[in-house]
Amino acid sequence: MKTKTVEEQAEQKRNWVTHPTTRNFAIIVSVWIIGLVLLVAAMTDLFRNSFFDKKHIVVYGMMVLSTWTVVKVSLNYIKTKRIDNNG
């Protein structure tokens, strides 16, 4: 039974969050922006009601978590590009 090397194991763990490509990054940011705009439009009844209302606490959580995910992907994208450029 052959055991995998550390490099082979690390290669298998590559996904769109840990090693995003330029296309992945563009899609994620686009979907994030469109999603936030649609969430705000739905919460505020197309901007007729106040954005700050306690009944929308779950939606606020969704917005914060999606923003956190986009920040994490952005940092990984920058790190991956920096590694690729250095060799």
Protein backbone atom coordinates (compact mmCIF):
# COMPACT_ATOMS: atom_id res chain seq x y z
CA MET A 1 0.00 0.00 0.00
CA LYS A 2 1.51 3.27 -1.14
CA THR A 3 1.21 6.27 1.15
CA LYS A 4 0.82 9.69 -0.36
CA THR A 5 3.45 12.35 0.07
CA VAL A 6 2.69 15.67 1.71
CA GLU A 7 2.72 17.40 -1.68
CA GLU A 8 0.18 14.96 -3.11
CA GLN A 9 -2.09 15.47 -0.11
CA ALA A 10 -1.79 19.25 -0.39
CA GLU A 11 -2.56 19.08 -4.11
CA GLN A 12 -5.79 17.21 -3.41
CA LYS A 13 -6.97 19.90 -0.96
CA ARG A 14 -6.92 22.62 -3.62
CA ASN A 15 -10.40 24.06 -4.20
CA TRP A 16 -11.98 27.33 -5.27
CA VAL A 17 -11.74 28.80 -1.76
CA THR A 18 -8.12 27.96 -1.03
CA HIS A 19 -6.72 28.44 -4.56
CA PRO A 20 -9.12 30.60 -6.60
CA THR A 21 -8.36 31.33 -10.23
CA THR A 22 -9.02 34.71 -11.80
CA ARG A 23 -12.27 33.37 -13.26
CA ASN A 24 -13.36 31.96 -9.88
CA PHE A 25 -12.57 35.26 -8.20
CA ALA A 26 -14.53 37.29 -10.77
CA ILE A 27 -17.56 34.99 -10.50
CA ILE A 28 -17.53 35.01 -6.70
CA VAL A 29 -17.30 38.79 -6.44
CA SER A 30 -20.01 39.28 -9.09
CA VAL A 31 -22.41 36.87 -7.41
CA TRP A 32 -21.67 38.47 -4.04
CA ILE A 33 -22.45 42.01 -5.26
CA ILE A 34 -25.62 40.92 -7.07
CA GLY A 35 -26.72 38.94 -4.02
CA LEU A 36 -26.21 41.85 -1.64
CA VAL A 37 -28.12 44.23 -3.91
CA LEU A 38 -31.01 41.78 -4.20
CA LEU A 39 -31.06 41.16 -0.44
CA VAL A 40 -31.14 44.88 0.33
CA ALA A 41 -33.85 45.44 -2.29
CA ALA A 42 -35.97 42.64 -0.83
CA MET A 43 -35.49 43.80 2.76
CA THR A 44 -36.36 47.41 2.04
CA ASP A 45 -39.24 46.72 -0.36
CA LEU A 46 -37.25 48.21 -3.23
CA PHE A 47 -35.82 50.96 -1.01
CA ARG A 48 -39.17 52.20 0.36
CA ASN A 49 -38.61 51.01 3.94
CA SER A 50 -35.74 51.47 6.35
CA PHE A 51 -32.69 49.24 6.03
CA PHE A 52 -32.27 49.15 9.81
CA ASP A 53 -35.05 46.95 11.14
CA LYS A 54 -34.73 44.25 13.78
CA LYS A 55 -36.88 41.78 11.86
CA HIS A 56 -34.12 41.41 9.25
CA ILE A 57 -31.46 40.10 11.65
CA VAL A 58 -31.10 36.78 9.78
CA VAL A 59 -30.52 38.58 6.49
CA TYR A 60 -27.90 40.77 8.16
CA GLY A 61 -26.15 37.58 9.26
CA MET A 62 -26.25 36.21 5.72
CA MET A 63 -24.75 39.43 4.42
CA VAL A 64 -21.95 39.41 6.99
CA LEU A 65 -21.11 35.75 6.39
CA SER A 66 -21.08 36.16 2.61
CA THR A 67 -18.85 39.21 2.97
CA TRP A 68 -16.51 37.24 5.23
CA THR A 69 -16.32 34.46 2.63
CA VAL A 70 -15.52 36.94 -0.16
CA VAL A 71 -12.79 38.53 1.98
CA LYS A 72 -11.28 35.11 2.67
CA VAL A 73 -11.36 34.17 -1.03
CA SER A 74 -9.86 37.56 -1.93
CA LEU A 75 -6.98 37.10 0.49
CA ASN A 76 -6.36 33.58 -0.85
CA TYR A 77 -6.48 34.90 -4.42
CA ILE A 78 -3.90 37.58 -3.63
CA LYS A 79 -1.70 35.05 -1.82
CA THR A 80 -1.94 32.59 -4.71
CA LYS A 81 -1.10 35.26 -7.28
CA ARG A 82 1.87 36.42 -5.22
CA ILE A 83 3.20 32.85 -5.00
CA ASP A 84 2.67 32.29 -8.74
CA ASN A 85 4.51 35.50 -9.61
CA ASN A 86 7.47 34.70 -7.37
CA GLY A 87 8.01 31.32 -8.89
